[in-house]
Amino acid sequence: MKMGIDALEKCEQMLQLQEMLLEVEENRLRGKRGHSIEEADEILRNVIDEAAR
């Protein structure tokens, strides 16, 4: 079966996302704390503000 470049790239992106989600879940099970959406939003806004200076 042949896959087009777009389909192959999409498949690769999905595999990368799956790996990231598995890592997050493993960290959660180990008790490692993550960031809430609000915390992540604040962190990103601060980084963007710093980069704009």
N, C-alpha and C. Protein backbone atom coordinates (compact mmCIF):
# COMPACT_ATOMS: atom_id res chain seq x y z
N MET A 1 0.84 -1.19 0.00
CA MET A 1 0.00 0.00 0.00
C MET A 1 0.88 1.24 0.00
N LYS A 2 0.63 2.15 -0.90
CA LYS A 2 1.39 3.38 -0.99
C LYS A 2 0.70 4.46 -0.17
N MET A 3 1.53 5.25 0.52
CA MET A 3 1.02 6.39 1.27
C MET A 3 1.59 7.65 0.66
N GLY A 4 0.76 8.65 0.52
CA GLY A 4 1.24 9.93 0.04
C GLY A 4 2.07 10.61 1.11
N ILE A 5 2.82 11.60 0.73
CA ILE A 5 3.67 12.33 1.67
C ILE A 5 2.83 12.95 2.78
N ASP A 6 1.69 13.54 2.43
CA ASP A 6 0.83 14.16 3.44
C ASP A 6 0.35 13.12 4.45
N ALA A 7 -0.06 11.96 3.97
CA ALA A 7 -0.55 10.91 4.86
C ALA A 7 0.58 10.40 5.75
N LEU A 8 1.77 10.29 5.21
CA LEU A 8 2.92 9.83 5.97
C LEU A 8 3.28 10.83 7.05
N GLU A 9 3.26 12.12 6.72
CA GLU A 9 3.55 13.17 7.70
C GLU A 9 2.49 13.18 8.80
N LYS A 10 1.25 13.00 8.43
CA LYS A 10 0.15 12.97 9.42
C LYS A 10 0.34 11.78 10.36
N CYS A 11 0.71 10.64 9.81
CA CYS A 11 0.96 9.44 10.61
C CYS A 11 2.11 9.69 11.58
N GLU A 12 3.16 10.33 11.11
CA GLU A 12 4.31 10.63 11.96
C GLU A 12 3.92 11.58 13.09
N GLN A 13 3.11 12.59 12.77
CA GLN A 13 2.64 13.53 13.79
C GLN A 13 1.81 12.81 14.84
N MET A 14 0.96 11.89 14.41
CA MET A 14 0.12 11.14 15.35
C MET A 14 0.98 10.26 16.26
N LEU A 15 2.02 9.65 15.71
CA LEU A 15 2.92 8.83 16.52
C LEU A 15 3.67 9.69 17.54
N GLN A 16 4.10 10.88 17.14
CA GLN A 16 4.77 11.78 18.08
C GLN A 16 3.83 12.21 19.19
N LEU A 17 2.59 12.52 18.84
CA LEU A 17 1.60 12.90 19.84
C LEU A 17 1.36 11.74 20.80
N GLN A 18 1.25 10.54 20.28
CA GLN A 18 1.05 9.37 21.12
C GLN A 18 2.20 9.20 22.10
N GLU A 19 3.43 9.38 21.64
CA GLU A 19 4.59 9.27 22.51
C GLU A 19 4.56 10.32 23.62
N MET A 20 4.18 11.56 23.26
CA MET A 20 4.10 12.62 24.26
C MET A 20 3.02 12.31 25.30
N LEU A 21 1.87 11.84 24.84
CA LEU A 21 0.78 11.53 25.75
C LEU A 21 1.14 10.38 26.68
N LEU A 22 1.84 9.39 26.16
CA LEU A 22 2.29 8.28 27.00
C LEU A 22 3.28 8.77 28.06
N GLU A 23 4.17 9.67 27.69
CA GLU A 23 5.13 10.22 28.65
C GLU A 23 4.42 11.00 29.74
N VAL A 24 3.43 11.80 29.35
CA VAL A 24 2.66 12.57 30.32
C VAL A 24 1.94 11.63 31.29
N GLU A 25 1.34 10.58 30.76
CA GLU A 25 0.63 9.62 31.61
C GLU A 25 1.59 8.90 32.55
N GLU A 26 2.75 8.52 32.06
CA GLU A 26 3.74 7.86 32.91
C GLU A 26 4.18 8.80 34.04
N ASN A 27 4.41 10.06 33.71
CA ASN A 27 4.79 11.04 34.73
C ASN A 27 3.67 11.22 35.76
N ARG A 28 2.43 11.25 35.28
CA ARG A 28 1.29 11.40 36.20
C ARG A 28 1.22 10.22 37.15
N LEU A 29 1.43 9.02 36.64
CA LEU A 29 1.37 7.83 37.48
C LEU A 29 2.51 7.81 38.50
N ARG A 30 3.63 8.43 38.18
CA ARG A 30 4.77 8.52 39.11
C ARG A 30 4.58 9.64 40.12
N GLY A 31 3.51 10.42 39.96
CA GLY A 31 3.23 11.51 40.89
C GLY A 31 3.86 12.83 40.50
N LYS A 32 4.43 12.91 39.31
CA LYS A 32 5.03 14.16 38.86
C LYS A 32 3.93 15.14 38.51
N ARG A 33 4.04 16.34 39.05
CA ARG A 33 3.02 17.36 38.84
C ARG A 33 3.23 18.05 37.50
N GLY A 34 2.15 18.31 36.81
CA GLY A 34 2.19 19.05 35.55
C GLY A 34 1.67 20.46 35.76
N HIS A 35 1.24 21.09 34.69
CA HIS A 35 0.70 22.44 34.76
C HIS A 35 -0.75 22.42 34.32
N SER A 36 -1.55 23.26 34.98
CA SER A 36 -2.93 23.42 34.55
C SER A 36 -2.94 24.24 33.25
N ILE A 37 -4.07 24.29 32.60
CA ILE A 37 -4.19 25.08 31.38
C ILE A 37 -3.92 26.55 31.69
N GLU A 38 -4.42 27.01 32.81
CA GLU A 38 -4.22 28.40 33.20
C GLU A 38 -2.74 28.69 33.45
N GLU A 39 -2.05 27.77 34.14
CA GLU A 39 -0.62 27.95 34.40
C GLU A 39 0.18 27.94 33.09
N ALA A 40 -0.15 27.02 32.20
CA ALA A 40 0.54 26.94 30.92
C ALA A 40 0.30 28.22 30.11
N ASP A 41 -0.91 28.73 30.14
CA ASP A 41 -1.24 29.96 29.43
C ASP A 41 -0.40 31.12 29.97
N GLU A 42 -0.30 31.23 31.29
CA GLU A 42 0.49 32.31 31.90
C GLU A 42 1.97 32.17 31.54
N ILE A 43 2.50 30.96 31.59
CA ILE A 43 3.91 30.72 31.24
C ILE A 43 4.16 31.14 29.80
N LEU A 44 3.29 30.71 28.89
CA LEU A 44 3.47 31.05 27.47
C LEU A 44 3.36 32.55 27.23
N ARG A 45 2.42 33.20 27.88
CA ARG A 45 2.28 34.65 27.71
C ARG A 45 3.53 35.37 28.21
N ASN A 46 4.09 34.91 29.33
CA ASN A 46 5.32 35.52 29.85
C ASN A 46 6.48 35.33 28.87
N VAL A 47 6.59 34.15 28.31
CA VAL A 47 7.67 33.89 27.35
C VAL A 47 7.51 34.78 26.12
N ILE A 48 6.29 34.88 25.63
CA ILE A 48 6.03 35.73 24.45
C ILE A 48 6.34 37.19 24.76
N ASP A 49 5.93 37.66 25.95
CA ASP A 49 6.21 39.04 26.34
C ASP A 49 7.71 39.30 26.43
N GLU A 50 8.44 38.35 27.00
CA GLU A 50 9.90 38.49 27.11
C GLU A 50 10.56 38.52 25.73
N ALA A 51 10.08 37.68 24.84
CA ALA A 51 10.65 37.62 23.49
C ALA A 51 10.37 38.90 22.70
N ALA A 52 9.26 39.55 23.00
CA ALA A 52 8.88 40.76 22.28
C ALA A 52 9.69 41.97 22.70
N ARG A 53 10.37 41.87 23.83
CA ARG A 53 11.15 43.02 24.33
C ARG A 53 12.45 43.16 23.61
